[in-house]
Amino acid sequence: MNLDGALGRVRVVLSRTSHPGNIGAAARAMKTMGLSQLVLVDPQSFPDPVAAARAAGADDILANARVVGSLAEALEGTV
């Protein structure tokens, strides 16, 4: 498997984030590393302008983030 294919399988899960800036910072870090799947478990505030500002160019990751209600739902289909 090539590196792009392997990175496409990585899912970053943030659970019950209390500050939207942390979501944006995670999205920015993910973009830098070539990751794209962000799943948020019951975030306090999302979408949020603070997350978008902190994302600094990773708006596509925020736009495609999935919001779910439980960690089990976020991890569904993973090994």
N, C-alpha and C. Protein backbone atom coordinates (compact mmCIF):
# COMPACT_ATOMS: atom_id res chain seq x y z
N MET A 1 0.85 -1.18 0.00
CA MET A 1 0.00 0.00 0.00
C MET A 1 0.90 1.24 0.00
N ASN A 2 0.56 2.21 -0.83
CA ASN A 2 1.35 3.43 -0.84
C ASN A 2 1.02 4.29 0.37
N LEU A 3 1.86 5.27 0.63
CA LEU A 3 1.69 6.11 1.81
C LEU A 3 0.38 6.87 1.78
N ASP A 4 -0.01 7.42 0.62
CA ASP A 4 -1.27 8.15 0.52
C ASP A 4 -2.44 7.25 0.90
N GLY A 5 -2.42 6.01 0.45
CA GLY A 5 -3.48 5.07 0.78
C GLY A 5 -3.53 4.78 2.26
N ALA A 6 -2.38 4.60 2.87
CA ALA A 6 -2.32 4.32 4.31
C ALA A 6 -2.81 5.51 5.12
N LEU A 7 -2.39 6.71 4.74
CA LEU A 7 -2.83 7.91 5.48
C LEU A 7 -4.32 8.14 5.33
N GLY A 8 -4.88 7.75 4.21
CA GLY A 8 -6.30 7.91 3.99
C GLY A 8 -7.15 7.04 4.90
N ARG A 9 -6.53 6.04 5.51
CA ARG A 9 -7.24 5.14 6.41
C ARG A 9 -7.17 5.60 7.86
N VAL A 10 -6.35 6.60 8.16
CA VAL A 10 -6.20 7.07 9.53
C VAL A 10 -7.36 7.99 9.88
N ARG A 11 -7.97 7.76 11.02
CA ARG A 11 -9.08 8.56 11.50
C ARG A 11 -8.69 9.22 12.82
N VAL A 12 -8.78 10.53 12.89
CA VAL A 12 -8.49 11.25 14.12
C VAL A 12 -9.82 11.52 14.82
N VAL A 13 -9.90 11.12 16.09
CA VAL A 13 -11.13 11.28 16.86
C VAL A 13 -10.85 12.19 18.05
N LEU A 14 -11.63 13.25 18.17
CA LEU A 14 -11.56 14.13 19.35
C LEU A 14 -12.86 13.95 20.12
N SER A 15 -12.76 13.70 21.41
CA SER A 15 -13.94 13.42 22.22
C SER A 15 -14.24 14.55 23.19
N ARG A 16 -15.46 15.05 23.11
CA ARG A 16 -16.00 16.06 24.03
C ARG A 16 -15.09 17.27 24.19
N THR A 17 -14.65 17.82 23.08
CA THR A 17 -13.78 19.00 23.12
C THR A 17 -14.51 20.16 23.78
N SER A 18 -13.81 20.87 24.65
CA SER A 18 -14.42 21.98 25.38
C SER A 18 -14.10 23.33 24.75
N HIS A 19 -13.10 23.40 23.89
CA HIS A 19 -12.73 24.66 23.25
C HIS A 19 -12.62 24.45 21.74
N PRO A 20 -13.35 25.21 20.95
CA PRO A 20 -13.33 25.01 19.50
C PRO A 20 -11.96 25.27 18.86
N GLY A 21 -11.11 26.05 19.52
CA GLY A 21 -9.77 26.28 19.00
C GLY A 21 -8.96 25.00 18.91
N ASN A 22 -9.22 24.06 19.81
CA ASN A 22 -8.52 22.78 19.77
C ASN A 22 -8.91 21.98 18.54
N ILE A 23 -10.15 22.10 18.12
CA ILE A 23 -10.60 21.41 16.90
C ILE A 23 -9.87 21.99 15.69
N GLY A 24 -9.79 23.31 15.62
CA GLY A 24 -9.10 23.96 14.51
C GLY A 24 -7.61 23.63 14.49
N ALA A 25 -6.99 23.61 15.67
CA ALA A 25 -5.57 23.28 15.74
C ALA A 25 -5.32 21.84 15.30
N ALA A 26 -6.20 20.93 15.69
CA ALA A 26 -6.06 19.54 15.27
C ALA A 26 -6.21 19.42 13.76
N ALA A 27 -7.16 20.14 13.19
CA ALA A 27 -7.36 20.11 11.74
C ALA A 27 -6.13 20.62 11.01
N ARG A 28 -5.54 21.69 11.52
CA ARG A 28 -4.32 22.25 10.90
C ARG A 28 -3.17 21.24 10.98
N ALA A 29 -3.00 20.60 12.11
CA ALA A 29 -1.94 19.59 12.27
C ALA A 29 -2.20 18.41 11.34
N MET A 30 -3.45 17.99 11.24
CA MET A 30 -3.79 16.89 10.35
C MET A 30 -3.44 17.22 8.91
N LYS A 31 -3.77 18.43 8.48
CA LYS A 31 -3.49 18.85 7.09
C LYS A 31 -1.99 18.79 6.83
N THR A 32 -1.19 19.25 7.79
CA THR A 32 0.27 19.23 7.67
C THR A 32 0.80 17.82 7.50
N MET A 33 0.16 16.86 8.18
CA MET A 33 0.61 15.46 8.13
C MET A 33 -0.03 14.65 7.01
N GLY A 34 -0.94 15.25 6.26
CA GLY A 34 -1.58 14.53 5.16
C GLY A 34 -2.77 13.69 5.57
N LEU A 35 -3.34 13.97 6.74
CA LEU A 35 -4.51 13.25 7.22
C LEU A 35 -5.78 14.03 6.88
N SER A 36 -6.90 13.34 6.74
CA SER A 36 -8.11 14.07 6.34
C SER A 36 -9.38 13.67 7.07
N GLN A 37 -9.39 12.55 7.79
CA GLN A 37 -10.62 12.09 8.45
C GLN A 37 -10.67 12.56 9.91
N LEU A 38 -11.53 13.53 10.18
CA LEU A 38 -11.71 14.04 11.54
C LEU A 38 -13.12 13.70 12.00
N VAL A 39 -13.20 13.08 13.17
CA VAL A 39 -14.49 12.74 13.77
C VAL A 39 -14.53 13.39 15.15
N LEU A 40 -15.63 14.08 15.42
CA LEU A 40 -15.81 14.79 16.70
C LEU A 40 -16.92 14.12 17.48
N VAL A 41 -16.62 13.73 18.71
CA VAL A 41 -17.62 13.11 19.58
C VAL A 41 -18.17 14.19 20.51
N ASP A 42 -19.43 14.53 20.31
CA ASP A 42 -20.16 15.45 21.19
C ASP A 42 -19.36 16.71 21.55
N PRO A 43 -18.90 17.48 20.55
CA PRO A 43 -18.14 18.70 20.87
C PRO A 43 -19.05 19.76 21.51
N GLN A 44 -18.50 20.55 22.40
CA GLN A 44 -19.28 21.61 23.04
C GLN A 44 -19.73 22.67 22.04
N SER A 45 -18.87 22.98 21.06
CA SER A 45 -19.20 24.02 20.10
C SER A 45 -18.55 23.74 18.75
N PHE A 46 -19.37 23.31 17.79
CA PHE A 46 -18.90 23.08 16.43
C PHE A 46 -20.10 23.00 15.51
N PRO A 47 -20.04 23.66 14.35
CA PRO A 47 -18.97 24.52 13.86
C PRO A 47 -18.87 25.80 14.68
N ASP A 48 -17.71 26.44 14.58
CA ASP A 48 -17.44 27.63 15.37
C ASP A 48 -16.40 28.48 14.66
N PRO A 49 -16.56 29.81 14.65
CA PRO A 49 -15.58 30.66 13.98
C PRO A 49 -14.17 30.57 14.58
N VAL A 50 -14.06 30.26 15.85
CA VAL A 50 -12.74 30.11 16.48
C VAL A 50 -12.03 28.88 15.90
N ALA A 51 -12.77 27.81 15.69
CA ALA A 51 -12.17 26.61 15.08
C ALA A 51 -11.70 26.92 13.67
N ALA A 52 -12.52 27.65 12.91
CA ALA A 52 -12.15 28.00 11.53
C ALA A 52 -10.91 28.88 11.51
N ALA A 53 -10.83 29.84 12.41
CA ALA A 53 -9.67 30.73 12.45
C ALA A 53 -8.40 29.97 12.81
N ARG A 54 -8.49 29.07 13.76
CA ARG A 54 -7.33 28.30 14.20
C ARG A 54 -6.90 27.27 13.16
N ALA A 55 -7.84 26.83 12.30
CA ALA A 55 -7.53 25.82 11.30
C ALA A 55 -6.55 26.34 10.25
N ALA A 56 -6.54 27.63 9.99
CA ALA A 56 -5.57 28.28 9.10
C ALA A 56 -5.24 27.47 7.85
N GLY A 57 -6.21 27.33 6.96
CA GLY A 57 -5.96 26.64 5.70
C GLY A 57 -6.43 25.20 5.67
N ALA A 58 -6.96 24.71 6.76
CA ALA A 58 -7.47 23.34 6.81
C ALA A 58 -9.00 23.35 6.86
N ASP A 59 -9.59 24.33 6.19
CA ASP A 59 -11.04 24.47 6.18
C ASP A 59 -11.73 23.24 5.60
N ASP A 60 -11.07 22.58 4.64
CA ASP A 60 -11.65 21.39 4.03
C ASP A 60 -11.81 20.27 5.06
N ILE A 61 -10.87 20.16 5.97
CA ILE A 61 -10.97 19.12 7.01
C ILE A 61 -12.12 19.43 7.95
N LEU A 62 -12.27 20.69 8.33
CA LEU A 62 -13.40 21.08 9.18
C LEU A 62 -14.72 20.85 8.46
N ALA A 63 -14.78 21.20 7.18
CA ALA A 63 -16.02 21.06 6.42
C ALA A 63 -16.45 19.60 6.30
N ASN A 64 -15.48 18.70 6.28
CA ASN A 64 -15.78 17.27 6.12
C ASN A 64 -15.80 16.50 7.43
N ALA A 65 -15.59 17.20 8.55
CA ALA A 65 -15.59 16.53 9.86
C ALA A 65 -16.97 15.95 10.14
N ARG A 66 -16.96 14.76 10.73
CA ARG A 66 -18.22 14.12 11.15
C ARG A 66 -18.41 14.36 12.63
N VAL A 67 -19.62 14.70 13.02
CA VAL A 67 -19.96 14.87 14.43
C VAL A 67 -20.86 13.70 14.81
N VAL A 68 -20.47 12.99 15.87
CA VAL A 68 -21.22 11.83 16.34
C VAL A 68 -21.50 11.98 17.82
N GLY A 69 -22.36 11.10 18.34
CA GLY A 69 -22.77 11.22 19.73
C GLY A 69 -22.00 10.35 20.71
N SER A 70 -21.23 9.39 20.21
CA SER A 70 -20.52 8.49 21.14
C SER A 70 -19.19 8.06 20.55
N LEU A 71 -18.31 7.64 21.44
CA LEU A 71 -17.01 7.14 21.01
C LEU A 71 -17.19 5.84 20.19
N ALA A 72 -18.12 5.01 20.60
CA ALA A 72 -18.37 3.78 19.85
C ALA A 72 -18.76 4.09 18.40
N GLU A 73 -19.58 5.10 18.21
CA GLU A 73 -19.97 5.50 16.86
C GLU A 73 -18.77 6.04 16.07
N ALA A 74 -17.90 6.80 16.74
CA ALA A 74 -16.72 7.37 16.09
C ALA A 74 -15.75 6.28 15.64
N LEU A 75 -15.69 5.20 16.39
CA LEU A 75 -14.74 4.12 16.09
C LEU A 75 -15.33 3.01 15.25
N GLU A 76 -16.59 3.12 14.90
CA GLU A 76 -17.25 2.09 14.11
C GLU A 76 -16.48 1.82 12.82
N GLY A 77 -16.21 0.56 12.57
CA GLY A 77 -15.50 0.16 11.36
C GLY A 77 -13.99 0.20 11.46
N THR A 78 -13.46 0.53 12.62
CA THR A 78 -12.00 0.55 12.80
C THR A 78 -11.54 -0.76 13.42
N VAL A 79 -10.24 -0.98 13.34
CA VAL A 79 -9.65 -2.15 13.99
C VAL A 79 -8.56 -1.71 14.92
